[in-house]
Amino acid sequence: MLVRLLYASRAVDQAPSAIQAILDSARRHNADSGVTGLLVYGGGVFMQAIEGGRQAVSDLYGTISRDARHKDVALLHYEEIAERRFSSWTMGLVDVGRINASVLLKYSERAVLDPYAVSGQVSMALLDELIATASIACHA
């Protein structure tokens, strides 16, 4: 059974090298466990969709929740799925600083990434638009 989970967290260390280390770690682990997804980062906030087998996704979310590099981890959305939306990426990356602010403003009160202030459905709609507008900066 495939599932998709969407969560938000805040970066403890916002240095570019720390963000890159999180991305590299996700790509290594996800490839081994059959997990795919998309990481959106901006202003110290992560929003990540992960999809794969139910147990693999559950285990990964548990690991992220305990990871000292993240704080304020919040589950935004969880669903069983018939097919993957992010199958092309062990972990794609969207740097919010590189997208048009109007995309964020379409889904939020302000042109900043704040998944804590919107519903999980709205956050998923934002991810869909980022895919549709080819805003994925890193493919791996």
N, C-alpha and C. Protein backbone atom coordinates (compact mmCIF):
# COMPACT_ATOMS: atom_id res chain seq x y z
N MET A 1 0.83 -1.17 0.00
CA MET A 1 0.00 0.00 0.00
C MET A 1 0.88 1.24 0.00
N LEU A 2 0.59 2.16 -0.90
CA LEU A 2 1.31 3.42 -0.98
C LEU A 2 0.59 4.50 -0.18
N VAL A 3 1.37 5.37 0.46
CA VAL A 3 0.82 6.50 1.20
C VAL A 3 1.63 7.75 0.88
N ARG A 4 1.02 8.89 1.14
CA ARG A 4 1.71 10.18 1.02
C ARG A 4 1.53 10.92 2.34
N LEU A 5 2.61 11.48 2.83
CA LEU A 5 2.59 12.23 4.07
C LEU A 5 3.21 13.59 3.79
N LEU A 6 2.60 14.63 4.32
CA LEU A 6 3.11 15.99 4.19
C LEU A 6 3.30 16.54 5.58
N TYR A 7 4.49 17.09 5.84
CA TYR A 7 4.75 17.68 7.15
C TYR A 7 5.49 18.99 6.97
N ALA A 8 5.52 19.76 8.04
CA ALA A 8 6.29 21.01 8.10
C ALA A 8 7.22 20.92 9.30
N SER A 9 8.34 21.62 9.20
CA SER A 9 9.24 21.75 10.34
C SER A 9 10.06 23.02 10.15
N ARG A 10 10.76 23.38 11.20
CA ARG A 10 11.66 24.53 11.13
C ARG A 10 13.09 24.03 11.26
N ALA A 11 13.98 24.61 10.48
CA ALA A 11 15.38 24.23 10.50
C ALA A 11 16.04 24.79 11.76
N VAL A 12 16.76 23.95 12.47
CA VAL A 12 17.52 24.41 13.63
C VAL A 12 18.72 25.23 13.15
N ASP A 13 19.39 24.74 12.11
CA ASP A 13 20.54 25.42 11.51
C ASP A 13 20.16 25.79 10.08
N GLN A 14 20.14 27.08 9.79
CA GLN A 14 19.71 27.54 8.47
C GLN A 14 20.86 27.76 7.49
N ALA A 15 22.05 27.37 7.86
CA ALA A 15 23.20 27.53 6.97
C ALA A 15 22.98 26.68 5.72
N PRO A 16 23.35 27.19 4.54
CA PRO A 16 23.18 26.41 3.32
C PRO A 16 23.81 25.01 3.39
N SER A 17 24.92 24.89 4.06
CA SER A 17 25.56 23.57 4.18
C SER A 17 24.70 22.61 5.01
N ALA A 18 24.02 23.12 6.02
CA ALA A 18 23.15 22.28 6.85
C ALA A 18 21.93 21.82 6.06
N ILE A 19 21.38 22.71 5.25
CA ILE A 19 20.22 22.36 4.42
C ILE A 19 20.64 21.33 3.38
N GLN A 20 21.80 21.52 2.78
CA GLN A 20 22.31 20.57 1.80
C GLN A 20 22.56 19.20 2.44
N ALA A 21 23.04 19.18 3.66
CA ALA A 21 23.28 17.91 4.36
C ALA A 21 21.96 17.16 4.59
N ILE A 22 20.90 17.88 4.92
CA ILE A 22 19.59 17.25 5.10
C ILE A 22 19.11 16.67 3.78
N LEU A 23 19.26 17.43 2.70
CA LEU A 23 18.85 16.96 1.38
C LEU A 23 19.65 15.73 0.96
N ASP A 24 20.96 15.76 1.15
CA ASP A 24 21.81 14.63 0.78
C ASP A 24 21.43 13.38 1.58
N SER A 25 21.19 13.56 2.86
CA SER A 25 20.80 12.45 3.72
C SER A 25 19.47 11.85 3.26
N ALA A 26 18.51 12.71 2.94
CA ALA A 26 17.20 12.24 2.47
C ALA A 26 17.35 11.43 1.19
N ARG A 27 18.16 11.91 0.28
CA ARG A 27 18.32 11.21 -0.99
C ARG A 27 18.94 9.83 -0.80
N ARG A 28 19.94 9.74 0.06
CA ARG A 28 20.58 8.43 0.32
C ARG A 28 19.59 7.47 0.96
N HIS A 29 18.93 7.92 2.00
CA HIS A 29 18.01 7.05 2.73
C HIS A 29 16.80 6.68 1.89
N ASN A 30 16.24 7.64 1.18
CA ASN A 30 15.02 7.40 0.42
C ASN A 30 15.25 6.40 -0.71
N ALA A 31 16.39 6.48 -1.35
CA ALA A 31 16.68 5.53 -2.43
C ALA A 31 16.69 4.11 -1.90
N ASP A 32 17.24 3.92 -0.72
CA ASP A 32 17.31 2.58 -0.11
C ASP A 32 15.96 2.06 0.35
N SER A 33 15.06 2.96 0.73
CA SER A 33 13.78 2.52 1.31
C SER A 33 12.59 2.66 0.36
N GLY A 34 12.84 3.08 -0.88
CA GLY A 34 11.75 3.20 -1.85
C GLY A 34 10.86 4.40 -1.63
N VAL A 35 11.37 5.42 -0.97
CA VAL A 35 10.60 6.63 -0.69
C VAL A 35 10.95 7.69 -1.73
N THR A 36 9.94 8.39 -2.21
CA THR A 36 10.14 9.52 -3.12
C THR A 36 9.49 10.75 -2.49
N GLY A 37 9.83 11.92 -3.02
CA GLY A 37 9.20 13.10 -2.45
C GLY A 37 9.74 14.41 -2.95
N LEU A 38 9.32 15.44 -2.26
CA LEU A 38 9.67 16.81 -2.61
C LEU A 38 9.85 17.62 -1.33
N LEU A 39 10.97 18.34 -1.27
CA LEU A 39 11.29 19.20 -0.13
C LEU A 39 11.23 20.65 -0.59
N VAL A 40 10.43 21.43 0.11
CA VAL A 40 10.35 22.87 -0.15
C VAL A 40 10.98 23.56 1.05
N TYR A 41 11.87 24.52 0.77
CA TYR A 41 12.56 25.20 1.86
C TYR A 41 12.57 26.70 1.61
N GLY A 42 12.32 27.47 2.67
CA GLY A 42 12.41 28.92 2.58
C GLY A 42 12.20 29.55 3.93
N GLY A 43 13.01 30.54 4.23
CA GLY A 43 12.85 31.29 5.47
C GLY A 43 12.97 30.44 6.73
N GLY A 44 13.77 29.38 6.66
CA GLY A 44 13.95 28.53 7.83
C GLY A 44 12.87 27.48 7.99
N VAL A 45 11.93 27.39 7.03
CA VAL A 45 10.81 26.45 7.12
C VAL A 45 10.97 25.37 6.04
N PHE A 46 10.75 24.13 6.47
CA PHE A 46 10.67 23.00 5.54
C PHE A 46 9.21 22.61 5.38
N MET A 47 8.86 22.22 4.18
CA MET A 47 7.62 21.51 3.93
C MET A 47 8.01 20.35 3.03
N GLN A 48 7.71 19.16 3.46
CA GLN A 48 8.17 18.00 2.71
C GLN A 48 7.03 17.00 2.52
N ALA A 49 6.89 16.55 1.29
CA ALA A 49 5.98 15.46 0.98
C ALA A 49 6.83 14.22 0.77
N ILE A 50 6.44 13.14 1.44
CA ILE A 50 7.13 11.87 1.25
C ILE A 50 6.08 10.82 0.91
N GLU A 51 6.44 9.93 0.00
CA GLU A 51 5.51 8.89 -0.41
C GLU A 51 6.25 7.59 -0.62
N GLY A 52 5.53 6.52 -0.37
CA GLY A 52 6.10 5.18 -0.51
C GLY A 52 5.25 4.21 0.27
N GLY A 53 5.84 3.07 0.62
CA GLY A 53 5.13 2.09 1.41
C GLY A 53 4.76 2.64 2.77
N ARG A 54 3.63 2.19 3.29
CA ARG A 54 3.12 2.75 4.56
C ARG A 54 4.15 2.66 5.68
N GLN A 55 4.77 1.50 5.84
CA GLN A 55 5.72 1.35 6.95
C GLN A 55 6.97 2.21 6.74
N ALA A 56 7.47 2.26 5.51
CA ALA A 56 8.66 3.06 5.22
C ALA A 56 8.40 4.55 5.49
N VAL A 57 7.23 5.04 5.09
CA VAL A 57 6.89 6.45 5.30
C VAL A 57 6.68 6.72 6.79
N SER A 58 6.02 5.83 7.46
CA SER A 58 5.81 5.98 8.91
C SER A 58 7.14 6.01 9.66
N ASP A 59 8.03 5.08 9.32
CA ASP A 59 9.34 5.03 9.97
C ASP A 59 10.13 6.31 9.70
N LEU A 60 10.09 6.78 8.46
CA LEU A 60 10.82 8.00 8.10
C LEU A 60 10.28 9.21 8.85
N TYR A 61 8.96 9.32 8.94
CA TYR A 61 8.38 10.45 9.67
C TYR A 61 8.79 10.40 11.15
N GLY A 62 8.83 9.23 11.72
CA GLY A 62 9.28 9.08 13.10
C GLY A 62 10.72 9.53 13.26
N THR A 63 11.56 9.16 12.31
CA THR A 63 12.97 9.57 12.34
C THR A 63 13.10 11.09 12.24
N ILE A 64 12.35 11.69 11.33
CA ILE A 64 12.38 13.15 11.15
C ILE A 64 11.89 13.84 12.42
N SER A 65 10.85 13.31 13.02
CA SER A 65 10.30 13.92 14.25
C SER A 65 11.32 13.95 15.38
N ARG A 66 12.22 12.98 15.39
CA ARG A 66 13.25 12.91 16.45
C ARG A 66 14.58 13.55 16.04
N ASP A 67 14.70 13.97 14.79
CA ASP A 67 15.95 14.51 14.25
C ASP A 67 16.21 15.90 14.86
N ALA A 68 17.37 16.06 15.47
CA ALA A 68 17.73 17.31 16.14
C ALA A 68 17.89 18.48 15.16
N ARG A 69 17.93 18.19 13.86
CA ARG A 69 18.06 19.27 12.87
C ARG A 69 16.71 19.93 12.57
N HIS A 70 15.62 19.33 13.07
CA HIS A 70 14.28 19.85 12.87
C HIS A 70 13.65 20.21 14.21
N LYS A 71 12.81 21.23 14.20
CA LYS A 71 11.99 21.54 15.37
C LYS A 71 10.60 21.91 14.87
N ASP A 72 9.65 21.89 15.78
CA ASP A 72 8.26 22.23 15.45
C ASP A 72 7.71 21.36 14.31
N VAL A 73 8.01 20.07 14.34
CA VAL A 73 7.53 19.15 13.31
C VAL A 73 6.02 19.00 13.45
N ALA A 74 5.30 19.20 12.35
CA ALA A 74 3.84 19.13 12.36
C ALA A 74 3.35 18.34 11.15
N LEU A 75 2.50 17.37 11.39
CA LEU A 75 1.87 16.60 10.32
C LEU A 75 0.78 17.47 9.68
N LEU A 76 0.85 17.65 8.38
CA LEU A 76 -0.11 18.49 7.67
C LEU A 76 -1.16 17.68 6.92
N HIS A 77 -0.74 16.52 6.39
CA HIS A 77 -1.65 15.75 5.54
C HIS A 77 -1.12 14.32 5.44
N TYR A 78 -2.05 13.35 5.40
CA TYR A 78 -1.68 11.95 5.24
C TYR A 78 -2.79 11.28 4.45
N GLU A 79 -2.42 10.49 3.45
CA GLU A 79 -3.44 9.80 2.66
C GLU A 79 -2.88 8.54 2.02
N GLU A 80 -3.76 7.58 1.80
CA GLU A 80 -3.43 6.43 0.98
C GLU A 80 -3.54 6.89 -0.46
N ILE A 81 -2.64 6.39 -1.31
CA ILE A 81 -2.62 6.83 -2.70
C ILE A 81 -2.57 5.63 -3.64
N ALA A 82 -3.08 5.82 -4.85
CA ALA A 82 -3.04 4.78 -5.87
C ALA A 82 -1.74 4.85 -6.66
N GLU A 83 -1.18 6.07 -6.76
CA GLU A 83 0.08 6.25 -7.49
C GLU A 83 0.85 7.41 -6.90
N ARG A 84 2.14 7.40 -7.16
CA ARG A 84 3.01 8.45 -6.65
C ARG A 84 2.89 9.72 -7.48
N ARG A 85 3.00 10.83 -6.83
CA ARG A 85 3.00 12.14 -7.48
C ARG A 85 4.45 12.60 -7.72
N PHE A 86 5.38 12.09 -6.91
CA PHE A 86 6.77 12.55 -6.95
C PHE A 86 7.72 11.41 -7.31
N SER A 87 7.30 10.52 -8.18
CA SER A 87 8.08 9.31 -8.47
C SER A 87 9.40 9.60 -9.16
N SER A 88 9.57 10.77 -9.72
CA SER A 88 10.81 11.09 -10.43
C SER A 88 11.96 11.46 -9.50
N TRP A 89 11.67 11.69 -8.21
CA TRP A 89 12.71 12.22 -7.33
C TRP A 89 12.83 11.42 -6.06
N THR A 90 14.07 10.97 -5.72
CA THR A 90 14.28 10.45 -4.38
C THR A 90 14.04 11.58 -3.40
N MET A 91 14.35 12.81 -3.82
CA MET A 91 13.97 14.01 -3.08
C MET A 91 14.25 15.22 -3.96
N GLY A 92 13.19 15.77 -4.54
CA GLY A 92 13.32 17.00 -5.30
C GLY A 92 13.41 18.17 -4.32
N LEU A 93 13.92 19.30 -4.78
CA LEU A 93 14.07 20.46 -3.91
C LEU A 93 13.51 21.70 -4.59
N VAL A 94 12.73 22.46 -3.83
CA VAL A 94 12.27 23.78 -4.27
C VAL A 94 12.82 24.78 -3.27
N ASP A 95 13.61 25.72 -3.76
CA ASP A 95 14.10 26.84 -2.94
C ASP A 95 13.11 27.98 -3.13
N VAL A 96 12.36 28.29 -2.10
CA VAL A 96 11.31 29.31 -2.19
C VAL A 96 11.87 30.65 -2.64
N GLY A 97 13.12 30.93 -2.31
CA GLY A 97 13.74 32.18 -2.71
C GLY A 97 13.89 32.33 -4.21
N ARG A 98 13.72 31.24 -4.94
CA ARG A 98 13.91 31.27 -6.40
C ARG A 98 12.61 31.21 -7.19
N ILE A 99 11.48 31.19 -6.50
CA ILE A 99 10.21 31.14 -7.23
C ILE A 99 9.52 32.49 -7.16
N ASN A 100 8.62 32.71 -8.08
CA ASN A 100 7.86 33.95 -8.13
C ASN A 100 6.99 34.06 -6.88
N ALA A 101 7.08 35.17 -6.20
CA ALA A 101 6.32 35.38 -4.96
C ALA A 101 4.81 35.24 -5.17
N SER A 102 4.34 35.50 -6.38
CA SER A 102 2.90 35.41 -6.64
C SER A 102 2.40 33.97 -6.50
N VAL A 103 3.27 32.98 -6.70
CA VAL A 103 2.86 31.58 -6.52
C VAL A 103 2.52 31.34 -5.05
N LEU A 104 3.37 31.83 -4.15
CA LEU A 104 3.10 31.68 -2.72
C LEU A 104 1.87 32.48 -2.30
N LEU A 105 1.75 33.67 -2.83
CA LEU A 105 0.65 34.54 -2.47
C LEU A 105 -0.70 33.96 -2.90
N LYS A 106 -0.68 33.17 -3.94
CA LYS A 106 -1.91 32.52 -4.40
C LYS A 106 -2.50 31.60 -3.33
N TYR A 107 -1.63 31.03 -2.47
CA TYR A 107 -2.05 30.04 -1.49
C TYR A 107 -1.94 30.49 -0.04
N SER A 108 -1.58 31.74 0.18
CA SER A 108 -1.33 32.18 1.54
C SER A 108 -1.63 33.67 1.69
N GLU A 109 -1.73 34.12 2.91
CA GLU A 109 -1.98 35.55 3.17
C GLU A 109 -0.79 36.41 2.79
N ARG A 110 0.41 35.85 2.93
CA ARG A 110 1.64 36.58 2.59
C ARG A 110 2.49 35.73 1.66
N ALA A 111 3.39 36.36 0.95
CA ALA A 111 4.23 35.66 -0.03
C ALA A 111 5.44 35.01 0.65
N VAL A 112 5.16 34.19 1.65
CA VAL A 112 6.21 33.44 2.34
C VAL A 112 5.72 32.00 2.52
N LEU A 113 6.65 31.09 2.67
CA LEU A 113 6.29 29.71 2.93
C LEU A 113 5.90 29.59 4.40
N ASP A 114 4.61 29.34 4.65
CA ASP A 114 4.12 29.16 6.01
C ASP A 114 3.06 28.07 6.04
N PRO A 115 3.48 26.81 5.93
CA PRO A 115 2.50 25.72 5.93
C PRO A 115 1.77 25.58 7.26
N TYR A 116 2.27 26.20 8.31
CA TYR A 116 1.59 26.16 9.60
C TYR A 116 0.29 26.98 9.59
N ALA A 117 0.18 27.90 8.64
CA ALA A 117 -0.96 28.82 8.61
C ALA A 117 -2.04 28.42 7.60
N VAL A 118 -1.82 27.32 6.86
CA VAL A 118 -2.80 26.89 5.86
C VAL A 118 -3.11 25.41 6.05
N SER A 119 -4.13 24.95 5.40
CA SER A 119 -4.51 23.53 5.51
C SER A 119 -3.55 22.64 4.72
N GLY A 120 -3.60 21.37 5.03
CA GLY A 120 -2.80 20.40 4.28
C GLY A 120 -3.20 20.36 2.81
N GLN A 121 -4.50 20.52 2.53
CA GLN A 121 -4.97 20.54 1.15
C GLN A 121 -4.38 21.72 0.39
N VAL A 122 -4.32 22.88 1.03
CA VAL A 122 -3.74 24.06 0.39
C VAL A 122 -2.26 23.83 0.14
N SER A 123 -1.57 23.23 1.09
CA SER A 123 -0.13 22.95 0.92
C SER A 123 0.10 21.98 -0.24
N MET A 124 -0.77 20.96 -0.36
CA MET A 124 -0.64 20.02 -1.48
C MET A 124 -0.90 20.73 -2.81
N ALA A 125 -1.84 21.65 -2.83
CA ALA A 125 -2.13 22.41 -4.06
C ALA A 125 -0.91 23.25 -4.45
N LEU A 126 -0.23 23.82 -3.47
CA LEU A 126 0.99 24.57 -3.74
C LEU A 126 2.04 23.64 -4.35
N LEU A 127 2.22 22.46 -3.79
CA LEU A 127 3.19 21.51 -4.36
C LEU A 127 2.83 21.16 -5.80
N ASP A 128 1.57 20.93 -6.06
CA ASP A 128 1.14 20.63 -7.43
C ASP A 128 1.50 21.77 -8.38
N GLU A 129 1.30 22.99 -7.93
CA GLU A 129 1.63 24.13 -8.79
C GLU A 129 3.14 24.23 -9.00
N LEU A 130 3.91 23.97 -7.97
CA LEU A 130 5.37 24.02 -8.11
C LEU A 130 5.85 22.98 -9.13
N ILE A 131 5.22 21.82 -9.13
CA ILE A 131 5.56 20.81 -10.13
C ILE A 131 5.15 21.28 -11.53
N ALA A 132 3.92 21.77 -11.63
CA ALA A 132 3.39 22.20 -12.93
C ALA A 132 4.18 23.36 -13.54
N THR A 133 4.73 24.21 -12.69
CA THR A 133 5.48 25.37 -13.19
C THR A 133 6.97 25.11 -13.25
N ALA A 134 7.36 23.84 -13.07
CA ALA A 134 8.76 23.43 -13.17
C ALA A 134 9.66 24.20 -12.20
N SER A 135 9.18 24.35 -10.99
CA SER A 135 9.94 25.08 -9.97
C SER A 135 10.88 24.18 -9.17
N ILE A 136 10.96 22.91 -9.55
CA ILE A 136 11.84 21.99 -8.85
C ILE A 136 13.27 22.31 -9.24
N ALA A 137 14.05 22.82 -8.30
CA ALA A 137 15.40 23.29 -8.58
C ALA A 137 16.39 22.15 -8.72
N CYS A 138 16.26 21.13 -7.91
CA CYS A 138 17.19 20.02 -7.92
C CYS A 138 16.41 18.74 -8.12
N HIS A 139 16.83 17.96 -9.07
CA HIS A 139 16.21 16.67 -9.32
C HIS A 139 17.21 15.58 -8.95
N ALA A 140 16.80 14.67 -8.12
CA ALA A 140 17.67 13.53 -7.82
C ALA A 140 16.82 12.41 -7.29
